[in-house]
Amino acid sequence: MYTVMIIVSVLFLIDCLCLTAIVLMQQGKTAGLSGAIGGAAETYFGKNKARTMEGKLEFWTKILAAIFFVLALILYLMVGAIS
């Protein structure tokens, strides 16, 4: 049981580090005044957003967040079973 818990803990740590790095690599959603001026370009990039680097980062953020919650739940249940 302890070896499984160590493996899940290491996976959880790796997931946390990757999730933190991906979130920090993303750009902010509030563009301010420059977003109001460049609004015409936004419609073109909105269609192809999934192909851009920002779209890929958002996709992987969702995947890693789901893995984070699953691993956190598994660790919680394992600690509860041990004590």
PDB file of N, CA and C in Angstrom:
ATOM      1  N   MET A   1       0.819  -1.201   0.000  1.00  0.00           N
ATOM      2  CA  MET A   1       0.000   0.000   0.000  1.00  0.00           C
ATOM      3  C   MET A   1       0.860   1.261   0.000  1.00  0.00           C
ATOM      4  N   TYR A   2       1.962   1.197   0.740  1.00  0.00           N
ATOM      5  CA  TYR A   2       2.821   2.374   0.825  1.00  0.00           C
ATOM      6  C   TYR A   2       3.535   2.646  -0.493  1.00  0.00           C
ATOM      7  N   THR A   3       3.902   1.598  -1.221  1.00  0.00           N
ATOM      8  CA  THR A   3       4.577   1.813  -2.502  1.00  0.00           C
ATOM      9  C   THR A   3       3.634   2.452  -3.518  1.00  0.00           C
ATOM     10  N   VAL A   4       2.374   2.043  -3.506  1.00  0.00           N
ATOM     11  CA  VAL A   4       1.389   2.646  -4.403  1.00  0.00           C
ATOM     12  C   VAL A   4       1.188   4.112  -4.034  1.00  0.00           C
ATOM     13  N   MET A   5       1.172   4.389  -2.744  1.00  0.00           N
ATOM     14  CA  MET A   5       0.996   5.768  -2.295  1.00  0.00           C
ATOM     15  C   MET A   5       2.193   6.636  -2.698  1.00  0.00           C
ATOM     16  N   ILE A   6       3.390   6.074  -2.651  1.00  0.00           N
ATOM     17  CA  ILE A   6       4.577   6.819  -3.062  1.00  0.00           C
ATOM     18  C   ILE A   6       4.534   7.091  -4.564  1.00  0.00           C
ATOM     19  N   ILE A   7       4.124   6.101  -5.346  1.00  0.00           N
ATOM     20  CA  ILE A   7       4.031   6.273  -6.791  1.00  0.00           C
ATOM     21  C   ILE A   7       2.999   7.343  -7.140  1.00  0.00           C
ATOM     22  N   VAL A   8       1.838   7.290  -6.494  1.00  0.00           N
ATOM     23  CA  VAL A   8       0.791   8.288  -6.750  1.00  0.00           C
ATOM     24  C   VAL A   8       1.248   9.670  -6.301  1.00  0.00           C
ATOM     25  N   SER A   9       1.992   9.740  -5.202  1.00  0.00           N
ATOM     26  CA  SER A   9       2.505  11.026  -4.723  1.00  0.00           C
ATOM     27  C   SER A   9       3.508  11.629  -5.699  1.00  0.00           C
ATOM     28  N   VAL A  10       4.365  10.793  -6.273  1.00  0.00           N
ATOM     29  CA  VAL A  10       5.339  11.281  -7.255  1.00  0.00           C
ATOM     30  C   VAL A  10       4.611  11.760  -8.510  1.00  0.00           C
ATOM     31  N   LEU A  11       3.612  11.007  -8.976  1.00  0.00           N
ATOM     32  CA  LEU A  11       2.819  11.431 -10.129  1.00  0.00           C
ATOM     33  C   LEU A  11       2.093  12.741  -9.835  1.00  0.00           C
ATOM     34  N   PHE A  12       1.592  12.890  -8.613  1.00  0.00           N
ATOM     35  CA  PHE A  12       0.909  14.109  -8.202  1.00  0.00           C
ATOM     36  C   PHE A  12       1.866  15.299  -8.221  1.00  0.00           C
ATOM     37  N   LEU A  13       3.080  15.090  -7.749  1.00  0.00           N
ATOM     38  CA  LEU A  13       4.081  16.155  -7.737  1.00  0.00           C
ATOM     39  C   LEU A  13       4.464  16.575  -9.155  1.00  0.00           C
ATOM     40  N   ILE A  14       4.665  15.594 -10.031  1.00  0.00           N
ATOM     41  CA  ILE A  14       4.989  15.897 -11.428  1.00  0.00           C
ATOM     42  C   ILE A  14       3.845  16.658 -12.090  1.00  0.00           C
ATOM     43  N   ASP A  15       2.607  16.223 -11.817  1.00  0.00           N
ATOM     44  CA  ASP A  15       1.444  16.900 -12.373  1.00  0.00           C
ATOM     45  C   ASP A  15       1.352  18.339 -11.864  1.00  0.00           C
ATOM     46  N   CYS A  16       1.620  18.540 -10.588  1.00  0.00           N
ATOM     47  CA  CYS A  16       1.578  19.892 -10.021  1.00  0.00           C
ATOM     48  C   CYS A  16       2.606  20.801 -10.685  1.00  0.00           C
ATOM     49  N   LEU A  17       3.814  20.305 -10.885  1.00  0.00           N
ATOM     50  CA  LEU A  17       4.860  21.114 -11.509  1.00  0.00           C
ATOM     51  C   LEU A  17       4.525  21.434 -12.968  1.00  0.00           C
ATOM     52  N   CYS A  18       4.023  20.445 -13.704  1.00  0.00           N
ATOM     53  CA  CYS A  18       3.649  20.677 -15.107  1.00  0.00           C
ATOM     54  C   CYS A  18       2.484  21.650 -15.208  1.00  0.00           C
ATOM     55  N   LEU A  19       1.502  21.501 -14.337  1.00  0.00           N
ATOM     56  CA  LEU A  19       0.343  22.385 -14.348  1.00  0.00           C
ATOM     57  C   LEU A  19       0.757  23.823 -14.031  1.00  0.00           C
ATOM     58  N   THR A  20       1.643  23.990 -13.070  1.00  0.00           N
ATOM     59  CA  THR A  20       2.132  25.321 -12.729  1.00  0.00           C
ATOM     60  C   THR A  20       2.878  25.950 -13.898  1.00  0.00           C
ATOM     61  N   ALA A  21       3.730  25.174 -14.557  1.00  0.00           N
ATOM     62  CA  ALA A  21       4.499  25.696 -15.685  1.00  0.00           C
ATOM     63  C   ALA A  21       3.592  26.090 -16.846  1.00  0.00           C
ATOM     64  N   ILE A  22       2.598  25.266 -17.135  1.00  0.00           N
ATOM     65  CA  ILE A  22       1.706  25.564 -18.260  1.00  0.00           C
ATOM     66  C   ILE A  22       0.852  26.793 -17.971  1.00  0.00           C
ATOM     67  N   VAL A  23       0.380  26.935 -16.755  1.00  0.00           N
ATOM     68  CA  VAL A  23      -0.417  28.111 -16.407  1.00  0.00           C
ATOM     69  C   VAL A  23       0.434  29.376 -16.498  1.00  0.00           C
ATOM     70  N   LEU A  24       1.687  29.301 -16.084  1.00  0.00           N
ATOM     71  CA  LEU A  24       2.555  30.475 -16.152  1.00  0.00           C
ATOM     72  C   LEU A  24       2.938  30.835 -17.583  1.00  0.00           C
ATOM     73  N   MET A  25       2.915  29.877 -18.498  1.00  0.00           N
ATOM     74  CA  MET A  25       3.250  30.150 -19.899  1.00  0.00           C
ATOM     75  C   MET A  25       2.102  30.809 -20.658  1.00  0.00           C
ATOM     76  N   GLN A  26       0.885  30.748 -20.131  1.00  0.00           N
ATOM     77  CA  GLN A  26      -0.261  31.320 -20.828  1.00  0.00           C
ATOM     78  C   GLN A  26      -0.287  32.833 -20.680  1.00  0.00           C
ATOM     79  N   GLN A  27      -0.875  33.486 -21.692  1.00  0.00           N
ATOM     80  CA  GLN A  27      -1.018  34.929 -21.650  1.00  0.00           C
ATOM     81  C   GLN A  27      -2.280  35.285 -20.890  1.00  0.00           C
ATOM     82  N   GLY A  28      -2.314  36.504 -20.361  1.00  0.00           N
ATOM     83  CA  GLY A  28      -3.489  36.978 -19.656  1.00  0.00           C
ATOM     84  C   GLY A  28      -4.657  37.194 -20.608  1.00  0.00           C
ATOM     85  N   LYS A  29      -5.860  37.078 -20.100  1.00  0.00           N
ATOM     86  CA  LYS A  29      -7.050  37.243 -20.941  1.00  0.00           C
ATOM     87  C   LYS A  29      -7.467  38.696 -21.096  1.00  0.00           C
ATOM     88  N   THR A  30      -7.018  39.563 -20.209  1.00  0.00           N
ATOM     89  CA  THR A  30      -7.384  40.972 -20.301  1.00  0.00           C
ATOM     90  C   THR A  30      -6.326  41.704 -21.103  1.00  0.00           C
ATOM     91  N   ALA A  31      -6.690  42.155 -22.279  1.00  0.00           N
ATOM     92  CA  ALA A  31      -5.731  42.821 -23.148  1.00  0.00           C
ATOM     93  C   ALA A  31      -5.721  44.331 -22.944  1.00  0.00           C
ATOM     94  N   GLY A  32      -6.712  44.872 -22.264  1.00  0.00           N
ATOM     95  CA  GLY A  32      -6.760  46.298 -22.020  1.00  0.00           C
ATOM     96  C   GLY A  32      -7.095  47.091 -23.267  1.00  0.00           C
ATOM     97  N   LEU A  33      -6.491  48.245 -23.418  1.00  0.00           N
ATOM     98  CA  LEU A  33      -6.764  49.123 -24.559  1.00  0.00           C
ATOM     99  C   LEU A  33      -6.254  48.521 -25.866  1.00  0.00           C
ATOM    100  N   SER A  34      -5.164  47.799 -25.821  1.00  0.00           N
ATOM    101  CA  SER A  34      -4.648  47.194 -27.051  1.00  0.00           C
ATOM    102  C   SER A  34      -5.594  46.126 -27.576  1.00  0.00           C
ATOM    103  N   GLY A  35      -6.361  45.490 -26.712  1.00  0.00           N
ATOM    104  CA  GLY A  35      -7.347  44.512 -27.153  1.00  0.00           C
ATOM    105  C   GLY A  35      -8.526  45.161 -27.846  1.00  0.00           C
ATOM    106  N   ALA A  36      -8.869  46.376 -27.445  1.00  0.00           N
ATOM    107  CA  ALA A  36      -9.972  47.084 -28.092  1.00  0.00           C
ATOM    108  C   ALA A  36      -9.570  47.577 -29.471  1.00  0.00           C
ATOM    109  N   ILE A  37      -8.305  47.956 -29.626  1.00  0.00           N
ATOM    110  CA  ILE A  37      -7.821  48.442 -30.915  1.00  0.00           C
ATOM    111  C   ILE A  37      -7.636  47.280 -31.891  1.00  0.00           C
ATOM    112  N   GLY A  38      -7.105  46.180 -31.439  1.00  0.00           N
ATOM    113  CA  GLY A  38      -6.832  45.054 -32.329  1.00  0.00           C
ATOM    114  C   GLY A  38      -7.957  44.044 -32.370  1.00  0.00           C
ATOM    115  N   GLY A  39      -9.165  44.454 -32.263  1.00  0.00           N
ATOM    116  CA  GLY A  39     -10.305  43.541 -32.232  1.00  0.00           C
ATOM    117  C   GLY A  39     -10.554  42.812 -33.534  1.00  0.00           C
ATOM    118  N   ALA A  40     -10.145  43.377 -34.668  1.00  0.00           N
ATOM    119  CA  ALA A  40     -10.384  42.741 -35.965  1.00  0.00           C
ATOM    120  C   ALA A  40      -9.562  41.473 -36.108  1.00  0.00           C
ATOM    121  N   ALA A  41      -8.360  41.474 -35.589  1.00  0.00           N
ATOM    122  CA  ALA A  41      -7.519  40.283 -35.685  1.00  0.00           C
ATOM    123  C   ALA A  41      -8.038  39.164 -34.796  1.00  0.00           C
ATOM    124  N   GLU A  42      -8.746  39.510 -33.759  1.00  0.00           N
ATOM    125  CA  GLU A  42      -9.267  38.514 -32.820  1.00  0.00           C
ATOM    126  C   GLU A  42     -10.281  37.580 -33.473  1.00  0.00           C
ATOM    127  N   THR A  43     -11.059  38.091 -34.427  1.00  0.00           N
ATOM    128  CA  THR A  43     -12.057  37.234 -35.066  1.00  0.00           C
ATOM    129  C   THR A  43     -11.390  36.167 -35.919  1.00  0.00           C
ATOM    130  N   TYR A  44     -10.298  36.508 -36.571  1.00  0.00           N
ATOM    131  CA  TYR A  44      -9.586  35.507 -37.379  1.00  0.00           C
ATOM    132  C   TYR A  44      -8.932  34.457 -36.485  1.00  0.00           C
ATOM    133  N   PHE A  45      -8.247  34.912 -35.450  1.00  0.00           N
ATOM    134  CA  PHE A  45      -7.562  33.971 -34.588  1.00  0.00           C
ATOM    135  C   PHE A  45      -8.540  33.172 -33.738  1.00  0.00           C
ATOM    136  N   GLY A  46      -9.730  33.668 -33.516  1.00  0.00           N
ATOM    137  CA  GLY A  46     -10.736  32.928 -32.758  1.00  0.00           C
ATOM    138  C   GLY A  46     -11.175  31.671 -33.474  1.00  0.00           C
ATOM    139  N   LYS A  47     -11.168  31.700 -34.808  1.00  0.00           N
ATOM    140  CA  LYS A  47     -11.558  30.524 -35.584  1.00  0.00           C
ATOM    141  C   LYS A  47     -10.496  29.438 -35.514  1.00  0.00           C
ATOM    142  N   ASN A  48      -9.251  29.835 -35.503  1.00  0.00           N
ATOM    143  CA  ASN A  48      -8.144  28.882 -35.518  1.00  0.00           C
ATOM    144  C   ASN A  48      -7.445  28.780 -34.162  1.00  0.00           C
ATOM    145  N   LYS A  49      -8.158  29.055 -33.098  1.00  0.00           N
ATOM    146  CA  LYS A  49      -7.542  29.111 -31.780  1.00  0.00           C
ATOM    147  C   LYS A  49      -7.000  27.755 -31.331  1.00  0.00           C
ATOM    148  N   ALA A  50      -7.674  26.674 -31.699  1.00  0.00           N
ATOM    149  CA  ALA A  50      -7.220  25.350 -31.269  1.00  0.00           C
ATOM    150  C   ALA A  50      -5.870  24.985 -31.877  1.00  0.00           C
ATOM    151  N   ARG A  51      -5.529  25.601 -32.999  1.00  0.00           N
ATOM    152  CA  ARG A  51      -4.261  25.295 -33.664  1.00  0.00           C
ATOM    153  C   ARG A  51      -3.103  26.129 -33.131  1.00  0.00           C
ATOM    154  N   THR A  52      -3.405  27.190 -32.420  1.00  0.00           N
ATOM    155  CA  THR A  52      -2.346  28.054 -31.912  1.00  0.00           C
ATOM    156  C   THR A  52      -1.737  27.463 -30.653  1.00  0.00           C
ATOM    157  N   MET A  53      -0.614  28.038 -30.258  1.00  0.00           N
ATOM    158  CA  MET A  53       0.046  27.585 -29.037  1.00  0.00           C
ATOM    159  C   MET A  53      -0.833  27.848 -27.819  1.00  0.00           C
ATOM    160  N   GLU A  54      -1.559  28.961 -27.823  1.00  0.00           N
ATOM    161  CA  GLU A  54      -2.444  29.293 -26.699  1.00  0.00           C
ATOM    162  C   GLU A  54      -3.562  28.257 -26.570  1.00  0.00           C
ATOM    163  N   GLY A  55      -4.089  27.814 -27.708  1.00  0.00           N
ATOM    164  CA  GLY A  55      -5.135  26.795 -27.684  1.00  0.00           C
ATOM    165  C   GLY A  55      -4.624  25.472 -27.142  1.00  0.00           C
ATOM    166  N   LYS A  56      -3.404  25.124 -27.518  1.00  0.00           N
ATOM    167  CA  LYS A  56      -2.813  23.881 -27.019  1.00  0.00           C
ATOM    168  C   LYS A  56      -2.529  23.970 -25.521  1.00  0.00           C
ATOM    169  N   LEU A  57      -2.082  25.137 -25.071  1.00  0.00           N
ATOM    170  CA  LEU A  57      -1.830  25.312 -23.642  1.00  0.00           C
ATOM    171  C   LEU A  57      -3.119  25.209 -22.839  1.00  0.00           C
ATOM    172  N   GLU A  58      -4.204  25.774 -23.365  1.00  0.00           N
ATOM    173  CA  GLU A  58      -5.497  25.662 -22.683  1.00  0.00           C
ATOM    174  C   GLU A  58      -5.970  24.215 -22.626  1.00  0.00           C
ATOM    175  N   PHE A  59      -5.768  23.483 -23.718  1.00  0.00           N
ATOM    176  CA  PHE A  59      -6.164  22.079 -23.749  1.00  0.00           C
ATOM    177  C   PHE A  59      -5.408  21.282 -22.696  1.00  0.00           C
ATOM    178  N   TRP A  60      -4.078  21.454 -22.643  1.00  0.00           N
ATOM    179  CA  TRP A  60      -3.281  20.703 -21.674  1.00  0.00           C
ATOM    180  C   TRP A  60      -3.534  21.155 -20.236  1.00  0.00           C
ATOM    181  N   THR A  61      -3.919  22.403 -20.064  1.00  0.00           N
ATOM    182  CA  THR A  61      -4.290  22.856 -18.729  1.00  0.00           C
ATOM    183  C   THR A  61      -5.519  22.104 -18.228  1.00  0.00           C
ATOM    184  N   LYS A  62      -6.495  21.938 -19.096  1.00  0.00           N
ATOM    185  CA  LYS A  62      -7.703  21.186 -18.712  1.00  0.00           C
ATOM    186  C   LYS A  62      -7.380  19.733 -18.388  1.00  0.00           C
ATOM    187  N   ILE A  63      -6.543  19.109 -19.202  1.00  0.00           N
ATOM    188  CA  ILE A  63      -6.173  17.706 -18.974  1.00  0.00           C
ATOM    189  C   ILE A  63      -5.418  17.554 -17.653  1.00  0.00           C
ATOM    190  N   LEU A  64      -4.415  18.404 -17.439  1.00  0.00           N
ATOM    191  CA  LEU A  64      -3.624  18.312 -16.213  1.00  0.00           C
ATOM    192  C   LEU A  64      -4.433  18.667 -14.972  1.00  0.00           C
ATOM    193  N   ALA A  65      -5.393  19.576 -15.108  1.00  0.00           N
ATOM    194  CA  ALA A  65      -6.256  19.903 -13.966  1.00  0.00           C
ATOM    195  C   ALA A  65      -7.139  18.712 -13.607  1.00  0.00           C
ATOM    196  N   ALA A  66      -7.648  18.011 -14.603  1.00  0.00           N
ATOM    197  CA  ALA A  66      -8.459  16.821 -14.335  1.00  0.00           C
ATOM    198  C   ALA A  66      -7.626  15.742 -13.654  1.00  0.00           C
ATOM    199  N   ILE A  67      -6.392  15.543 -14.147  1.00  0.00           N
ATOM    200  CA  ILE A  67      -5.492  14.571 -13.511  1.00  0.00           C
ATOM    201  C   ILE A  67      -5.171  14.989 -12.083  1.00  0.00           C
ATOM    202  N   PHE A  68      -4.995  16.285 -11.863  1.00  0.00           N
ATOM    203  CA  PHE A  68      -4.717  16.812 -10.523  1.00  0.00           C
ATOM    204  C   PHE A  68      -5.838  16.435  -9.547  1.00  0.00           C
ATOM    205  N   PHE A  69      -7.074  16.671  -9.956  1.00  0.00           N
ATOM    206  CA  PHE A  69      -8.193  16.373  -9.064  1.00  0.00           C
ATOM    207  C   PHE A  69      -8.343  14.878  -8.808  1.00  0.00           C
ATOM    208  N   VAL A  70      -8.129  14.071  -9.818  1.00  0.00           N
ATOM    209  CA  VAL A  70      -8.232  12.619  -9.641  1.00  0.00           C
ATOM    210  C   VAL A  70      -7.144  12.116  -8.703  1.00  0.00           C
ATOM    211  N   LEU A  71      -5.911  12.562  -8.921  1.00  0.00           N
ATOM    212  CA  LEU A  71      -4.825  12.122  -8.043  1.00  0.00           C
ATOM    213  C   LEU A  71      -4.993  12.644  -6.620  1.00  0.00           C
ATOM    214  N   ALA A  72      -5.503  13.854  -6.460  1.00  0.00           N
ATOM    215  CA  ALA A  72      -5.750  14.384  -5.116  1.00  0.00           C
ATOM    216  C   ALA A  72      -6.805  13.550  -4.394  1.00  0.00           C
ATOM    217  N   LEU A  73      -7.840  13.157  -5.109  1.00  0.00           N
ATOM    218  CA  LEU A  73      -8.886  12.316  -4.516  1.00  0.00           C
ATOM    219  C   LEU A  73      -8.328  10.942  -4.139  1.00  0.00           C
ATOM    220  N   ILE A  74      -7.519  10.361  -5.012  1.00  0.00           N
ATOM    221  CA  ILE A  74      -6.918   9.057  -4.722  1.00  0.00           C
ATOM    222  C   ILE A  74      -6.016   9.144  -3.495  1.00  0.00           C
ATOM    223  N   LEU A  75      -5.195  10.192  -3.421  1.00  0.00           N
ATOM    224  CA  LEU A  75      -4.325  10.357  -2.249  1.00  0.00           C
ATOM    225  C   LEU A  75      -5.128  10.560  -0.973  1.00  0.00           C
ATOM    226  N   TYR A  76      -6.202  11.316  -1.058  1.00  0.00           N
ATOM    227  CA  TYR A  76      -7.058  11.532   0.111  1.00  0.00           C
ATOM    228  C   TYR A  76      -7.650  10.208   0.597  1.00  0.00           C
ATOM    229  N   LEU A  77      -8.128   9.398  -0.328  1.00  0.00           N
ATOM    230  CA  LEU A  77      -8.713   8.123   0.053  1.00  0.00           C
ATOM    231  C   LEU A  77      -7.670   7.151   0.587  1.00  0.00           C
ATOM    232  N   MET A  78      -6.452   7.203   0.044  1.00  0.00           N
ATOM    233  CA  MET A  78      -5.382   6.328   0.535  1.00  0.00           C
ATOM    234  C   MET A  78      -4.942   6.707   1.942  1.00  0.00           C
ATOM    235  N   VAL A  79      -4.827   7.988   2.198  1.00  0.00           N
ATOM    236  CA  VAL A  79      -4.434   8.434   3.540  1.00  0.00           C
ATOM    237  C   VAL A  79      -5.522   8.088   4.540  1.00  0.00           C
ATOM    238  N   GLY A  80      -6.786   8.200   4.130  1.00  0.00           N
ATOM    239  CA  GLY A  80      -7.890   7.835   5.011  1.00  0.00           C
ATOM    240  C   GLY A  80      -7.934   6.351   5.303  1.00  0.00           C
ATOM    241  N   ALA A  81      -7.538   5.531   4.334  1.00  0.00           N
ATOM    242  CA  ALA A  81      -7.530   4.079   4.525  1.00  0.00           C
ATOM    243  C   ALA A  81      -6.379   3.648   5.437  1.00  0.00           C
ATOM    244  N   ILE A  82      -5.279   4.376   5.402  1.00  0.00           N
ATOM    245  CA  ILE A  82      -4.132   4.005   6.238  1.00  0.00           C
ATOM    246  C   ILE A  82      -4.373   4.380   7.686  1.00  0.00           C
ATOM    247  N   SER A  83      -4.978   5.546   7.937  1.00  0.00           N
ATOM    248  CA  SER A  83      -5.151   5.972   9.333  1.00  0.00           C
ATOM    249  C   SER A  83      -6.355   5.391   9.978  1.00  0.00           C
TER     250      SER A  83
END
